[in-house]
Amino acid sequence: MPYVIWITGLPGSGKSTIASALKERIDEAVILRLDDLRKIVTPEPTYSDVERDHVYRSLVYMAKTLYELGHTVIIDATGNKKLWRELARSLIPEFFEIYLKCPLAVCRERERTRFDTHSAPKGIYEKGKTGAPVPGVNVQYEEPEHPELIIDTEKESPKEAAEKIIQLI
């Protein structure tokens, strides 16, 4: 039976790395990376509220469609607004929200030093210092109220996180 897992958290919290580790365990899963979708939907992103809403609603629609076609889906997306994650929950019967909790300072350092961005733009937090809208900096990240799982990625490895998710589902 297919299901959808949304891995949410601040930029640099480990979403893409954990999504990849999870994909190794769930071979038939499809990873939807918001950063890849954004390049198609908004090739020159402004990250405005209206644009973000459009991109996230497109992401939810894609996940729902893939689920209905019988695919297991891993969503790799910050999803800073509860509204988007709750939309997915309301449309997808087998939905799991996984919140990656990680201190902002750790996320900043990871983002600054990472080699593989998994299609994410480089220097996200630096751009936030100059006024670019960045979740956790100058755009609110709305923490999930009732996620199926909370993982502290400062303390747990991607492999350990993937194992916890596997045990949940």
N, C-alpha and C. Protein backbone atom coordinates (compact mmCIF):
# COMPACT_ATOMS: atom_id res chain seq x y z
N MET A 1 0.84 -1.18 0.00
CA MET A 1 0.00 0.00 0.00
C MET A 1 0.88 1.25 0.00
N PRO A 2 0.64 2.19 -0.90
CA PRO A 2 1.49 3.38 -0.96
C PRO A 2 1.20 4.34 0.20
N TYR A 3 2.11 5.25 0.42
CA TYR A 3 1.96 6.28 1.45
C TYR A 3 2.84 7.46 1.05
N VAL A 4 2.64 8.57 1.76
CA VAL A 4 3.42 9.77 1.51
C VAL A 4 4.06 10.20 2.82
N ILE A 5 5.36 10.45 2.77
CA ILE A 5 6.13 10.93 3.92
C ILE A 5 6.61 12.34 3.59
N TRP A 6 6.25 13.32 4.41
CA TRP A 6 6.76 14.69 4.22
C TRP A 6 7.82 14.92 5.27
N ILE A 7 9.05 15.11 4.83
CA ILE A 7 10.16 15.43 5.73
C ILE A 7 10.29 16.94 5.74
N THR A 8 10.00 17.55 6.89
CA THR A 8 9.98 18.99 7.03
C THR A 8 10.98 19.44 8.09
N GLY A 9 11.47 20.65 7.93
CA GLY A 9 12.42 21.23 8.87
C GLY A 9 13.12 22.40 8.21
N LEU A 10 13.90 23.11 8.98
CA LEU A 10 14.62 24.27 8.46
C LEU A 10 15.61 23.87 7.37
N PRO A 11 15.99 24.82 6.51
CA PRO A 11 17.08 24.54 5.56
C PRO A 11 18.33 24.11 6.35
N GLY A 12 18.95 23.04 5.92
CA GLY A 12 20.14 22.54 6.60
C GLY A 12 19.85 21.57 7.73
N SER A 13 18.59 21.25 7.96
CA SER A 13 18.24 20.33 9.06
C SER A 13 18.49 18.87 8.70
N GLY A 14 18.69 18.58 7.41
CA GLY A 14 18.99 17.21 6.99
C GLY A 14 17.92 16.56 6.14
N LYS A 15 16.97 17.33 5.66
CA LYS A 15 15.85 16.76 4.89
C LYS A 15 16.30 15.95 3.69
N SER A 16 17.13 16.53 2.85
CA SER A 16 17.55 15.85 1.61
C SER A 16 18.40 14.63 1.90
N THR A 17 19.28 14.75 2.87
CA THR A 17 20.14 13.62 3.22
C THR A 17 19.32 12.46 3.78
N ILE A 18 18.36 12.78 4.63
CA ILE A 18 17.52 11.73 5.21
C ILE A 18 16.58 11.16 4.15
N ALA A 19 16.07 12.01 3.26
CA ALA A 19 15.22 11.51 2.16
C ALA A 19 15.99 10.50 1.31
N SER A 20 17.25 10.81 1.03
CA SER A 20 18.08 9.89 0.24
C SER A 20 18.35 8.59 1.00
N ALA A 21 18.62 8.70 2.31
CA ALA A 21 18.85 7.50 3.12
C ALA A 21 17.58 6.65 3.19
N LEU A 22 16.44 7.30 3.25
CA LEU A 22 15.17 6.59 3.28
C LEU A 22 14.89 5.90 1.94
N LYS A 23 15.22 6.58 0.86
CA LYS A 23 15.03 6.01 -0.48
C LYS A 23 15.84 4.72 -0.65
N GLU A 24 17.02 4.67 -0.03
CA GLU A 24 17.82 3.44 -0.09
C GLU A 24 17.10 2.27 0.58
N ARG A 25 16.26 2.57 1.54
CA ARG A 25 15.51 1.53 2.27
C ARG A 25 14.16 1.22 1.62
N ILE A 26 13.61 2.20 0.89
CA ILE A 26 12.30 2.02 0.24
C ILE A 26 12.53 2.23 -1.25
N ASP A 27 13.03 1.20 -1.89
CA ASP A 27 13.48 1.30 -3.28
C ASP A 27 12.41 1.85 -4.23
N GLU A 28 11.16 1.47 -4.02
CA GLU A 28 10.09 1.87 -4.95
C GLU A 28 9.63 3.31 -4.73
N ALA A 29 10.11 3.98 -3.71
CA ALA A 29 9.66 5.34 -3.41
C ALA A 29 10.18 6.35 -4.43
N VAL A 30 9.39 7.40 -4.59
CA VAL A 30 9.75 8.53 -5.45
C VAL A 30 10.04 9.70 -4.51
N ILE A 31 11.18 10.38 -4.71
CA ILE A 31 11.47 11.57 -3.91
C ILE A 31 11.03 12.80 -4.70
N LEU A 32 10.20 13.63 -4.07
CA LEU A 32 9.84 14.93 -4.64
C LEU A 32 10.62 15.98 -3.86
N ARG A 33 11.60 16.58 -4.53
CA ARG A 33 12.40 17.62 -3.90
C ARG A 33 11.85 18.98 -4.35
N LEU A 34 11.43 19.77 -3.38
CA LEU A 34 10.83 21.06 -3.72
C LEU A 34 11.79 21.91 -4.55
N ASP A 35 13.06 21.85 -4.26
CA ASP A 35 14.02 22.67 -5.00
C ASP A 35 14.06 22.31 -6.48
N ASP A 36 13.87 21.03 -6.80
CA ASP A 36 13.79 20.63 -8.21
C ASP A 36 12.51 21.15 -8.85
N LEU A 37 11.40 21.01 -8.14
CA LEU A 37 10.11 21.48 -8.66
C LEU A 37 10.14 22.99 -8.87
N ARG A 38 10.70 23.71 -7.91
CA ARG A 38 10.74 25.17 -8.00
C ARG A 38 11.47 25.62 -9.27
N LYS A 39 12.52 24.91 -9.66
CA LYS A 39 13.28 25.30 -10.87
C LYS A 39 12.41 25.23 -12.12
N ILE A 40 11.40 24.38 -12.11
CA ILE A 40 10.51 24.25 -13.26
C ILE A 40 9.33 25.22 -13.15
N VAL A 41 8.72 25.29 -11.97
CA VAL A 41 7.53 26.12 -11.78
C VAL A 41 7.89 27.60 -11.76
N THR A 42 8.98 27.95 -11.10
CA THR A 42 9.42 29.35 -11.02
C THR A 42 10.93 29.39 -11.27
N PRO A 43 11.35 29.41 -12.54
CA PRO A 43 12.78 29.33 -12.86
C PRO A 43 13.61 30.49 -12.28
N GLU A 44 12.98 31.63 -12.05
CA GLU A 44 13.68 32.76 -11.42
C GLU A 44 12.89 33.14 -10.16
N PRO A 45 13.06 32.35 -9.10
CA PRO A 45 12.22 32.53 -7.92
C PRO A 45 12.44 33.85 -7.20
N THR A 46 11.33 34.38 -6.69
CA THR A 46 11.38 35.57 -5.85
C THR A 46 11.15 35.20 -4.39
N TYR A 47 10.60 34.01 -4.16
CA TYR A 47 10.27 33.50 -2.83
C TYR A 47 9.21 34.35 -2.14
N SER A 48 8.38 35.01 -2.92
CA SER A 48 7.26 35.77 -2.35
C SER A 48 6.25 34.80 -1.75
N ASP A 49 5.38 35.32 -0.90
CA ASP A 49 4.35 34.47 -0.30
C ASP A 49 3.46 33.83 -1.35
N VAL A 50 3.07 34.62 -2.35
CA VAL A 50 2.20 34.11 -3.42
C VAL A 50 2.92 33.02 -4.21
N GLU A 51 4.17 33.26 -4.54
CA GLU A 51 4.94 32.27 -5.30
C GLU A 51 5.13 30.99 -4.48
N ARG A 52 5.48 31.12 -3.21
CA ARG A 52 5.66 29.94 -2.35
C ARG A 52 4.37 29.13 -2.29
N ASP A 53 3.24 29.83 -2.15
CA ASP A 53 1.96 29.13 -2.08
C ASP A 53 1.71 28.34 -3.36
N HIS A 54 2.00 28.94 -4.49
CA HIS A 54 1.82 28.28 -5.78
C HIS A 54 2.71 27.03 -5.89
N VAL A 55 3.96 27.18 -5.51
CA VAL A 55 4.91 26.06 -5.61
C VAL A 55 4.53 24.93 -4.65
N TYR A 56 4.18 25.27 -3.41
CA TYR A 56 3.82 24.23 -2.45
C TYR A 56 2.52 23.53 -2.80
N ARG A 57 1.54 24.27 -3.32
CA ARG A 57 0.30 23.62 -3.74
C ARG A 57 0.57 22.68 -4.93
N SER A 58 1.48 23.07 -5.81
CA SER A 58 1.88 22.19 -6.92
C SER A 58 2.53 20.92 -6.39
N LEU A 59 3.37 21.08 -5.37
CA LEU A 59 4.04 19.93 -4.75
C LEU A 59 3.02 18.97 -4.15
N VAL A 60 2.06 19.51 -3.42
CA VAL A 60 1.03 18.67 -2.80
C VAL A 60 0.22 17.95 -3.87
N TYR A 61 -0.12 18.65 -4.93
CA TYR A 61 -0.87 18.03 -6.03
C TYR A 61 -0.08 16.87 -6.64
N MET A 62 1.22 17.09 -6.87
CA MET A 62 2.05 16.03 -7.45
C MET A 62 2.11 14.82 -6.51
N ALA A 63 2.30 15.07 -5.22
CA ALA A 63 2.37 13.96 -4.25
C ALA A 63 1.06 13.19 -4.22
N LYS A 64 -0.05 13.91 -4.22
CA LYS A 64 -1.37 13.28 -4.21
C LYS A 64 -1.58 12.43 -5.47
N THR A 65 -1.22 12.98 -6.61
CA THR A 65 -1.38 12.26 -7.88
C THR A 65 -0.53 11.00 -7.91
N LEU A 66 0.73 11.11 -7.52
CA LEU A 66 1.60 9.94 -7.49
C LEU A 66 1.06 8.89 -6.52
N TYR A 67 0.60 9.33 -5.36
CA TYR A 67 0.00 8.41 -4.38
C TYR A 67 -1.19 7.68 -5.00
N GLU A 68 -2.06 8.43 -5.67
CA GLU A 68 -3.25 7.82 -6.28
C GLU A 68 -2.89 6.84 -7.40
N LEU A 69 -1.72 7.03 -8.00
CA LEU A 69 -1.24 6.11 -9.04
C LEU A 69 -0.51 4.90 -8.45
N GLY A 70 -0.45 4.84 -7.11
CA GLY A 70 0.13 3.69 -6.45
C GLY A 70 1.58 3.83 -6.04
N HIS A 71 2.12 5.05 -6.05
CA HIS A 71 3.52 5.27 -5.70
C HIS A 71 3.67 5.73 -4.25
N THR A 72 4.70 5.24 -3.59
CA THR A 72 5.10 5.78 -2.30
C THR A 72 5.94 7.01 -2.59
N VAL A 73 5.68 8.08 -1.85
CA VAL A 73 6.33 9.37 -2.11
C VAL A 73 7.02 9.88 -0.86
N ILE A 74 8.24 10.38 -1.04
CA ILE A 74 8.98 11.06 0.02
C ILE A 74 9.08 12.52 -0.41
N ILE A 75 8.48 13.41 0.37
CA ILE A 75 8.55 14.85 0.07
C ILE A 75 9.72 15.43 0.86
N ASP A 76 10.63 16.07 0.16
CA ASP A 76 11.79 16.74 0.73
C ASP A 76 11.54 18.24 0.55
N ALA A 77 10.95 18.87 1.58
CA ALA A 77 10.59 20.28 1.46
C ALA A 77 10.45 20.92 2.83
N THR A 78 10.99 22.12 2.98
CA THR A 78 10.89 22.85 4.24
C THR A 78 9.44 22.96 4.68
N GLY A 79 8.57 23.40 3.79
CA GLY A 79 7.14 23.53 4.14
C GLY A 79 6.94 24.37 5.38
N ASN A 80 7.43 25.62 5.34
CA ASN A 80 7.44 26.43 6.54
C ASN A 80 6.05 26.79 7.07
N LYS A 81 5.01 26.63 6.24
CA LYS A 81 3.65 26.92 6.72
C LYS A 81 2.89 25.62 6.98
N LYS A 82 2.24 25.56 8.14
CA LYS A 82 1.42 24.39 8.49
C LYS A 82 0.34 24.15 7.44
N LEU A 83 -0.17 25.23 6.90
CA LEU A 83 -1.25 25.16 5.92
C LEU A 83 -0.95 24.17 4.80
N TRP A 84 0.27 24.19 4.27
CA TRP A 84 0.64 23.31 3.16
C TRP A 84 0.72 21.86 3.60
N ARG A 85 1.32 21.65 4.76
CA ARG A 85 1.43 20.28 5.26
C ARG A 85 0.06 19.72 5.62
N GLU A 86 -0.79 20.57 6.18
CA GLU A 86 -2.15 20.13 6.52
C GLU A 86 -2.99 19.88 5.27
N LEU A 87 -2.73 20.64 4.21
CA LEU A 87 -3.41 20.39 2.94
C LEU A 87 -3.07 18.98 2.45
N ALA A 88 -1.79 18.64 2.49
CA ALA A 88 -1.37 17.30 2.08
C ALA A 88 -2.03 16.24 2.96
N ARG A 89 -2.04 16.48 4.25
CA ARG A 89 -2.65 15.52 5.18
C ARG A 89 -4.14 15.32 4.87
N SER A 90 -4.83 16.41 4.50
CA SER A 90 -6.27 16.31 4.23
C SER A 90 -6.58 15.60 2.91
N LEU A 91 -5.63 15.60 1.98
CA LEU A 91 -5.86 15.01 0.66
C LEU A 91 -5.30 13.60 0.48
N ILE A 92 -4.37 13.22 1.35
CA ILE A 92 -3.66 11.95 1.19
C ILE A 92 -3.95 11.07 2.42
N PRO A 93 -4.69 9.98 2.23
CA PRO A 93 -5.08 9.14 3.37
C PRO A 93 -3.91 8.56 4.17
N GLU A 94 -2.87 8.13 3.50
CA GLU A 94 -1.71 7.53 4.17
C GLU A 94 -0.58 8.55 4.19
N PHE A 95 -0.64 9.48 5.14
CA PHE A 95 0.29 10.61 5.20
C PHE A 95 1.05 10.60 6.52
N PHE A 96 2.36 10.79 6.43
CA PHE A 96 3.22 10.83 7.61
C PHE A 96 4.05 12.11 7.56
N GLU A 97 3.94 12.92 8.61
CA GLU A 97 4.74 14.14 8.70
C GLU A 97 5.90 13.88 9.65
N ILE A 98 7.11 14.08 9.15
CA ILE A 98 8.32 13.85 9.93
C ILE A 98 9.00 15.20 10.11
N TYR A 99 9.11 15.64 11.36
CA TYR A 99 9.71 16.94 11.66
C TYR A 99 11.15 16.75 12.11
N LEU A 100 12.06 17.38 11.37
CA LEU A 100 13.48 17.35 11.73
C LEU A 100 13.77 18.58 12.57
N LYS A 101 13.96 18.36 13.84
CA LYS A 101 14.24 19.45 14.78
C LYS A 101 15.75 19.61 14.87
N CYS A 102 16.21 20.83 14.67
CA CYS A 102 17.65 21.08 14.68
C CYS A 102 17.87 22.56 15.00
N PRO A 103 18.80 22.89 15.88
CA PRO A 103 19.04 24.29 16.20
C PRO A 103 19.45 25.09 14.95
N LEU A 104 18.98 26.32 14.89
CA LEU A 104 19.28 27.18 13.74
C LEU A 104 20.78 27.31 13.51
N ALA A 105 21.57 27.43 14.56
CA ALA A 105 23.02 27.58 14.41
C ALA A 105 23.63 26.36 13.71
N VAL A 106 23.15 25.17 14.04
CA VAL A 106 23.64 23.94 13.41
C VAL A 106 23.22 23.92 11.94
N CYS A 107 21.97 24.29 11.67
CA CYS A 107 21.49 24.34 10.28
C CYS A 107 22.32 25.31 9.45
N ARG A 108 22.60 26.47 10.01
CA ARG A 108 23.42 27.47 9.30
C ARG A 108 24.80 26.91 8.96
N GLU A 109 25.43 26.26 9.91
CA GLU A 109 26.77 25.71 9.69
C GLU A 109 26.74 24.59 8.66
N ARG A 110 25.77 23.73 8.73
CA ARG A 110 25.65 22.66 7.74
C ARG A 110 25.47 23.24 6.35
N GLU A 111 24.58 24.21 6.24
CA GLU A 111 24.30 24.81 4.93
C GLU A 111 25.55 25.51 4.39
N ARG A 112 26.29 26.14 5.26
CA ARG A 112 27.50 26.86 4.84
C ARG A 112 28.58 25.92 4.32
N THR A 113 28.66 24.72 4.90
CA THR A 113 29.77 23.82 4.57
C THR A 113 29.40 22.64 3.68
N ARG A 114 28.14 22.52 3.29
CA ARG A 114 27.76 21.34 2.51
C ARG A 114 28.26 21.41 1.08
N PHE A 115 28.59 20.22 0.56
CA PHE A 115 29.05 20.10 -0.82
C PHE A 115 27.89 19.77 -1.74
N ASP A 116 27.09 18.79 -1.35
CA ASP A 116 25.94 18.38 -2.16
C ASP A 116 24.72 19.12 -1.66
N THR A 117 24.21 20.03 -2.47
CA THR A 117 23.05 20.83 -2.05
C THR A 117 21.73 20.16 -2.39
N HIS A 118 21.75 19.04 -3.12
CA HIS A 118 20.52 18.35 -3.54
C HIS A 118 19.59 19.34 -4.25
N SER A 119 20.16 20.18 -5.09
CA SER A 119 19.44 21.17 -5.89
C SER A 119 19.03 22.42 -5.12
N ALA A 120 19.29 22.48 -3.83
CA ALA A 120 18.96 23.69 -3.06
C ALA A 120 19.93 24.80 -3.44
N PRO A 121 19.46 26.05 -3.40
CA PRO A 121 20.37 27.15 -3.70
C PRO A 121 21.46 27.26 -2.64
N LYS A 122 22.64 27.66 -3.05
CA LYS A 122 23.76 27.83 -2.12
C LYS A 122 23.61 29.14 -1.35
N GLY A 123 24.13 29.17 -0.15
CA GLY A 123 24.18 30.40 0.63
C GLY A 123 22.83 30.92 1.10
N ILE A 124 21.92 30.01 1.42
CA ILE A 124 20.57 30.42 1.81
C ILE A 124 20.60 31.37 3.00
N TYR A 125 21.32 31.00 4.04
CA TYR A 125 21.31 31.81 5.26
C TYR A 125 22.05 33.13 5.07
N GLU A 126 23.08 33.14 4.24
CA GLU A 126 23.77 34.41 3.93
C GLU A 126 22.82 35.36 3.23
N LYS A 127 22.01 34.82 2.31
CA LYS A 127 21.03 35.65 1.60
C LYS A 127 20.00 36.21 2.57
N GLY A 128 19.69 35.44 3.60
CA GLY A 128 18.74 35.90 4.61
C GLY A 128 19.25 37.11 5.37
N LYS A 129 20.56 37.20 5.54
CA LYS A 129 21.15 38.35 6.23
C LYS A 129 20.94 39.64 5.44
N THR A 130 20.81 39.51 4.13
CA THR A 130 20.65 40.70 3.28
C THR A 130 19.18 40.96 2.93
N GLY A 131 18.28 40.25 3.61
CA GLY A 131 16.86 40.52 3.42
C GLY A 131 16.09 39.51 2.60
N ALA A 132 16.77 38.54 1.98
CA ALA A 132 16.04 37.51 1.23
C ALA A 132 15.18 36.71 2.21
N PRO A 133 13.96 36.33 1.81
CA PRO A 133 13.06 35.61 2.72
C PRO A 133 13.52 34.17 2.96
N VAL A 134 13.99 33.90 4.17
CA VAL A 134 14.52 32.58 4.53
C VAL A 134 13.81 32.06 5.78
N PRO A 135 13.17 30.89 5.68
CA PRO A 135 12.52 30.32 6.86
C PRO A 135 13.50 30.14 8.02
N GLY A 136 13.08 30.58 9.19
CA GLY A 136 13.92 30.50 10.37
C GLY A 136 14.74 31.75 10.60
N VAL A 137 14.85 32.60 9.58
CA VAL A 137 15.61 33.84 9.71
C VAL A 137 14.64 35.02 9.72
N ASN A 138 14.03 35.29 8.58
CA ASN A 138 13.10 36.41 8.49
C ASN A 138 11.74 36.00 7.94
N VAL A 139 11.53 34.70 7.81
CA VAL A 139 10.23 34.12 7.47
C VAL A 139 9.98 33.05 8.53
N GLN A 140 8.81 33.08 9.14
CA GLN A 140 8.51 32.14 10.22
C GLN A 140 8.43 30.70 9.70
N TYR A 141 9.04 29.79 10.46
CA TYR A 141 8.84 28.36 10.23
C TYR A 141 7.84 27.91 11.29
N GLU A 142 6.69 27.46 10.85
CA GLU A 142 5.64 27.01 11.77
C GLU A 142 5.86 25.53 12.09
N GLU A 143 6.31 25.28 13.30
CA GLU A 143 6.60 23.89 13.69
C GLU A 143 5.32 23.06 13.65
N PRO A 144 5.44 21.80 13.24
CA PRO A 144 4.26 20.92 13.23
C PRO A 144 3.69 20.76 14.64
N GLU A 145 2.37 20.72 14.74
CA GLU A 145 1.73 20.53 16.04
C GLU A 145 1.65 19.05 16.42
N HIS A 146 1.39 18.20 15.44
CA HIS A 146 1.22 16.77 15.72
C HIS A 146 1.88 15.92 14.65
N PRO A 147 3.20 16.05 14.48
CA PRO A 147 3.85 15.20 13.47
C PRO A 147 3.84 13.74 13.95
N GLU A 148 3.91 12.85 12.99
CA GLU A 148 3.97 11.43 13.36
C GLU A 148 5.30 11.09 14.03
N LEU A 149 6.33 11.90 13.74
CA LEU A 149 7.65 11.63 14.31
C LEU A 149 8.46 12.91 14.35
N ILE A 150 9.19 13.12 15.45
CA ILE A 150 10.14 14.22 15.58
C ILE A 150 11.52 13.60 15.71
N ILE A 151 12.45 14.07 14.89
CA ILE A 151 13.82 13.55 14.92
C ILE A 151 14.77 14.71 15.19
N ASP A 152 15.60 14.57 16.20
CA ASP A 152 16.60 15.58 16.54
C ASP A 152 17.84 15.29 15.70
N THR A 153 18.00 16.03 14.60
CA THR A 153 19.09 15.73 13.67
C THR A 153 20.44 16.27 14.14
N GLU A 154 20.46 16.99 15.24
CA GLU A 154 21.74 17.37 15.82
C GLU A 154 22.36 16.14 16.49
N LYS A 155 21.50 15.24 16.97
CA LYS A 155 21.96 14.08 17.73
C LYS A 155 21.90 12.76 16.97
N GLU A 156 21.02 12.67 15.97
CA GLU A 156 20.84 11.40 15.26
C GLU A 156 21.36 11.48 13.84
N SER A 157 22.01 10.42 13.40
CA SER A 157 22.56 10.36 12.04
C SER A 157 21.44 10.16 11.03
N PRO A 158 21.70 10.45 9.75
CA PRO A 158 20.70 10.19 8.72
C PRO A 158 20.26 8.73 8.68
N LYS A 159 21.20 7.83 8.88
CA LYS A 159 20.87 6.40 8.88
C LYS A 159 19.94 6.06 10.05
N GLU A 160 20.23 6.60 11.23
CA GLU A 160 19.37 6.37 12.39
C GLU A 160 17.98 6.97 12.16
N ALA A 161 17.95 8.15 11.56
CA ALA A 161 16.67 8.81 11.27
C ALA A 161 15.85 7.97 10.30
N ALA A 162 16.49 7.49 9.25
CA ALA A 162 15.78 6.66 8.27
C ALA A 162 15.23 5.40 8.93
N GLU A 163 15.99 4.81 9.82
CA GLU A 163 15.54 3.61 10.53
C GLU A 163 14.31 3.91 11.39
N LYS A 164 14.31 5.06 12.06
CA LYS A 164 13.14 5.44 12.87
C LYS A 164 11.90 5.60 12.01
N ILE A 165 12.08 6.18 10.83
CA ILE A 165 10.95 6.38 9.92
C ILE A 165 10.43 5.03 9.43
N ILE A 166 11.35 4.14 9.08
CA ILE A 166 10.96 2.79 8.64
C ILE A 166 10.16 2.08 9.73
N GLN A 167 10.61 2.20 10.96
CA GLN A 167 9.90 1.56 12.08
C GLN A 167 8.50 2.15 12.25
N LEU A 168 8.35 3.44 11.99
CA LEU A 168 7.05 4.11 12.11
C LEU A 168 6.05 3.59 11.09
N ILE A 169 6.51 3.46 9.85
CA ILE A 169 5.58 3.07 8.79
C ILE A 169 5.47 1.57 8.70
